[in-house]
């Protein structure tokens, strides 16, 4: 059994939950450190020392190097334990779809939170901040509808599970919330429920969203 030498800086309910779930599925031990990335947080300096962007997840590898960005970490974990099947292997017919939609989620959907969660960081004035929050919320809903159209059954990629299902299990718990997803994206909801119920993943979801 590998020693618990991977150290994750994360925060409850954040994107770091995807990384926790990936490690859990792979059976790779992980130390976790709770940090708050908000500007007033007493742990912000600790986070900035590891990741100058001030974002989670930030993973400290056994040799001291730092790896950030959830999708990069997912690939790293898959390299450690290919049997976890987080990423389709070369030659797998679903590999192209995985790359398209995994990057779509982290490059198109996720930034709507980057800008909408803290609009004062990007624009001045309360009214401008309110409009930015509203516009990013509406944009996110439209993006999720595209993801819904691409979703397979019983997993996002069809018969084989992947890290895409972990993203859905976590991100359906963010804005616009489970009720919105249940009404408008039934395939995404079923995939998210199935992934969240996996024995290795369920404790991660419980810890992050209880």
Protein backbone atom coordinates (compact mmCIF):
# COMPACT_ATOMS: atom_id res chain seq x y z
CA UNK A 1 0.00 0.00 0.00
CA UNK A 2 1.36 3.40 -0.99
CA UNK A 3 2.11 5.79 1.86
CA UNK A 4 -0.06 8.89 2.24
CA UNK A 5 2.48 11.29 0.75
CA UNK A 6 0.20 13.27 -1.52
CA UNK A 7 -1.02 16.42 0.20
CA UNK A 8 -4.08 18.27 -1.10
CA UNK A 9 -4.99 21.83 -0.27
CA UNK A 10 -8.73 22.13 -0.73
CA UNK A 11 -11.89 23.56 0.71
CA UNK A 12 -15.17 21.90 1.57
CA UNK A 13 -17.59 21.85 -1.34
CA UNK A 14 -15.06 23.21 -3.85
CA UNK A 15 -13.52 21.77 -7.01
CA UNK A 16 -11.01 19.98 -4.83
CA UNK A 17 -13.82 17.47 -4.15
CA UNK A 18 -13.35 16.16 -7.71
CA UNK A 19 -9.70 15.46 -6.94
CA UNK A 20 -10.57 13.81 -3.63
CA UNK A 21 -13.02 11.54 -5.45
CA UNK A 22 -10.43 10.65 -8.08
CA UNK A 23 -7.88 9.67 -5.41
CA UNK A 24 -10.56 7.67 -3.60
CA UNK A 25 -11.54 5.74 -6.74
CA UNK A 26 -7.90 5.04 -7.50
CA UNK A 27 -7.26 3.84 -3.95
CA UNK A 28 -4.31 6.22 -3.56
CA UNK A 29 -3.92 7.63 -0.03
CA UNK A 30 -4.28 11.37 0.29
CA UNK A 31 -3.65 13.88 3.04
CA UNK A 32 -6.06 16.81 2.97
CA UNK A 33 -5.59 20.31 4.33
CA UNK A 34 -8.58 22.66 4.59
CA UNK A 35 -7.91 26.17 3.31
CA UNK A 36 -10.15 29.16 2.64
CA UNK A 37 -9.26 30.99 -0.57
CA UNK A 38 -11.22 34.18 0.22
CA UNK A 39 -9.16 37.36 0.43
CA UNK A 40 -9.77 37.85 4.16
CA UNK A 41 -8.98 34.26 5.11
CA UNK A 42 -6.17 33.53 7.60
CA UNK A 43 -5.20 30.52 5.46
CA UNK A 44 -4.95 32.49 2.20
CA UNK A 45 -1.22 33.12 2.58
CA UNK A 46 -0.67 29.40 3.05
CA UNK A 47 -2.56 28.72 -0.18
CA UNK A 48 -0.75 31.47 -2.10
CA UNK A 49 2.58 29.99 -1.03
CA UNK A 50 1.60 26.77 -2.81
CA UNK A 51 -0.48 28.19 -5.68
CA UNK A 52 0.02 31.89 -6.51
CA UNK A 53 -3.39 31.92 -8.21
CA UNK A 54 -4.93 31.42 -4.79
CA UNK A 55 -7.14 28.60 -6.07
CA UNK A 56 -7.88 25.04 -5.06
CA UNK A 57 -7.15 22.26 -5.70
CA UNK A 58 -3.43 22.47 -5.14
CA UNK A 59 -1.63 19.15 -4.80
CA UNK A 60 1.82 18.79 -3.25
CA UNK A 61 3.45 15.69 -4.74
CA UNK A 62 5.65 13.32 -2.72
CA UNK A 63 8.80 14.95 -4.12
CA UNK A 64 7.59 18.45 -3.18
CA UNK A 65 6.50 19.59 -6.63
CA UNK A 66 3.11 21.24 -6.94
CA UNK A 67 0.35 20.27 -9.35
CA UNK A 68 -2.72 22.46 -9.83
CA UNK A 69 -5.83 22.39 -12.05
CA UNK A 70 -8.27 19.57 -11.36
CA UNK A 71 -8.12 17.98 -14.81
CA UNK A 72 -4.33 17.88 -14.75
CA UNK A 73 -4.48 16.19 -11.35
CA UNK A 74 -7.05 13.69 -12.64
CA UNK A 75 -4.63 12.70 -15.41
CA UNK A 76 -1.84 12.40 -12.86
CA UNK A 77 -3.93 10.08 -10.67
CA UNK A 78 -4.88 8.01 -13.70
CA UNK A 79 -1.19 7.61 -14.51
CA UNK A 80 -0.58 6.40 -10.95
CA UNK A 81 -3.43 3.89 -11.13
CA UNK A 82 -4.59 3.25 -14.71
CA UNK A 83 -6.99 0.62 -13.41
CA UNK A 84 -9.12 3.40 -11.94
CA UNK A 85 -10.25 4.19 -15.51
CA UNK A 86 -10.52 7.90 -14.84
CA UNK A 87 -9.36 8.70 -18.38
CA UNK A 88 -10.02 6.47 -21.41
CA UNK A 89 -6.83 4.86 -22.61
CA UNK A 90 -5.30 5.51 -26.05
CA UNK A 91 -7.31 3.68 -28.67
CA UNK A 92 -10.50 3.75 -26.61
CA UNK A 93 -13.35 5.00 -28.80
CA UNK A 94 -14.57 7.29 -26.00
CA UNK A 95 -11.24 9.09 -25.53
CA UNK A 96 -12.06 11.91 -27.97
CA UNK A 97 -15.40 12.61 -26.30
CA UNK A 98 -13.73 12.57 -22.90
CA UNK A 99 -11.21 15.20 -23.93
CA UNK A 100 -13.83 17.39 -25.57
CA UNK A 101 -16.26 17.45 -22.67
CA UNK A 102 -13.77 17.39 -19.81
CA UNK A 103 -12.08 20.48 -21.23
CA UNK A 104 -15.49 22.02 -21.99
CA UNK A 105 -16.42 21.69 -18.32
CA UNK A 106 -13.18 23.14 -16.96
CA UNK A 107 -12.64 25.78 -19.66
CA UNK A 108 -16.22 26.93 -20.37
CA UNK A 109 -18.46 26.04 -17.43
CA UNK A 110 -16.01 26.46 -14.56
CA UNK A 111 -14.93 30.03 -15.45
CA UNK A 112 -18.51 31.23 -14.99
CA UNK A 113 -17.90 30.64 -11.28
CA UNK A 114 -14.47 32.25 -11.42
CA UNK A 115 -16.04 35.51 -12.57
CA UNK A 116 -19.50 35.21 -11.05
CA UNK A 117 -18.62 34.14 -7.52
CA UNK A 118 -16.60 37.27 -6.80
CA UNK A 119 -17.68 39.91 -9.34
CA UNK A 120 -16.09 42.71 -7.33
CA UNK A 121 -12.70 41.27 -8.25
CA UNK A 122 -13.39 41.96 -11.93
CA UNK A 123 -15.72 44.97 -12.17
CA UNK A 124 -16.37 48.08 -10.12
CA UNK A 125 -19.71 49.07 -8.66
CA UNK A 126 -22.48 47.05 -7.08
CA UNK A 127 -24.75 47.20 -10.13
CA UNK A 128 -21.99 46.03 -12.48
CA UNK A 129 -21.20 43.20 -10.09
CA UNK A 130 -24.84 42.18 -9.96
CA UNK A 131 -25.07 42.11 -13.77
CA UNK A 132 -21.88 40.05 -14.03
CA UNK A 133 -23.22 37.54 -11.50
CA UNK A 134 -26.54 37.27 -13.35
CA UNK A 135 -24.99 37.02 -16.80
CA UNK A 136 -22.54 34.29 -15.77
CA UNK A 137 -25.36 32.36 -14.10
CA UNK A 138 -27.43 32.47 -17.31
CA UNK A 139 -24.41 31.55 -19.44
CA UNK A 140 -23.72 28.57 -17.19
CA UNK A 141 -27.26 27.29 -17.55
CA UNK A 142 -26.96 27.41 -21.34
CA UNK A 143 -23.64 25.56 -21.20
CA UNK A 144 -25.10 22.83 -19.02
CA UNK A 145 -27.85 22.32 -21.59
CA UNK A 146 -25.14 21.56 -24.15
CA UNK A 147 -23.59 19.05 -21.76
CA UNK A 148 -27.00 17.43 -21.26
CA UNK A 149 -27.35 16.89 -25.00
CA UNK A 150 -23.99 15.11 -25.11
CA UNK A 151 -24.52 12.95 -22.03
CA UNK A 152 -24.81 9.20 -22.48
CA UNK A 153 -26.23 6.44 -20.27
CA UNK A 154 -25.60 5.07 -17.70
CA UNK A 155 -22.41 7.16 -17.57
CA UNK A 156 -21.51 10.29 -19.47
CA UNK A 157 -19.45 8.30 -21.96
CA UNK A 158 -22.03 5.52 -22.17
CA UNK A 159 -21.10 2.09 -20.84
CA UNK A 160 -17.80 3.14 -19.30
CA UNK A 161 -17.37 5.41 -16.30
CA UNK A 162 -14.77 8.18 -16.21
CA UNK A 163 -13.73 11.27 -14.30
CA UNK A 164 -16.42 13.19 -16.20
CA UNK A 165 -18.96 11.53 -13.91
CA UNK A 166 -17.09 12.82 -10.87
CA UNK A 167 -17.28 16.38 -12.19
CA UNK A 168 -21.04 16.01 -12.56
CA UNK A 169 -21.42 14.53 -9.07
CA UNK A 170 -19.70 17.60 -7.59
CA UNK A 171 -20.80 20.43 -9.88
CA UNK A 172 -24.51 19.64 -9.84
CA UNK A 173 -24.37 20.68 -6.20
CA UNK A 174 -23.31 24.19 -7.17
CA UNK A 175 -25.41 26.95 -8.75
CA UNK A 176 -27.98 26.66 -10.26
CA UNK A 177 -28.55 23.77 -7.81
CA UNK A 178 -29.98 20.28 -7.81
CA UNK A 179 -33.58 21.42 -8.31
CA UNK A 180 -32.67 23.23 -11.55
CA UNK A 181 -30.72 20.23 -12.82
CA UNK A 182 -33.56 17.85 -11.92
CA UNK A 183 -36.02 19.88 -13.98
CA UNK A 184 -33.85 20.52 -17.02
CA UNK A 185 -31.03 17.99 -17.26
CA UNK A 186 -32.34 14.54 -16.31
CA UNK A 187 -29.43 12.64 -17.86
CA UNK A 188 -26.84 14.72 -16.01
CA UNK A 189 -28.75 14.20 -12.75
CA UNK A 190 -28.85 10.43 -13.13
CA UNK A 191 -25.14 10.26 -13.92
CA UNK A 192 -24.34 12.51 -10.96
CA UNK A 193 -26.43 10.38 -8.60
CA UNK A 194 -24.84 7.18 -9.84
CA UNK A 195 -21.31 8.56 -9.44
CA UNK A 196 -22.04 10.03 -6.00
CA UNK A 197 -23.31 6.63 -4.84
CA UNK A 198 -20.13 4.74 -5.72
CA UNK A 199 -18.74 3.25 -2.47
CA UNK A 200 -15.41 5.08 -2.82
CA UNK A 201 -17.01 8.37 -3.79
CA UNK A 202 -19.97 8.56 -1.41
CA UNK A 203 -17.87 9.50 1.66
CA UNK A 204 -16.18 12.28 -0.33
CA UNK A 205 -19.55 13.74 -1.34
CA UNK A 206 -20.85 13.42 2.20
CA UNK A 207 -17.80 15.15 3.66
CA UNK A 208 -17.94 18.01 1.19
CA UNK A 209 -21.67 18.66 0.96
CA UNK A 210 -23.25 17.54 4.23
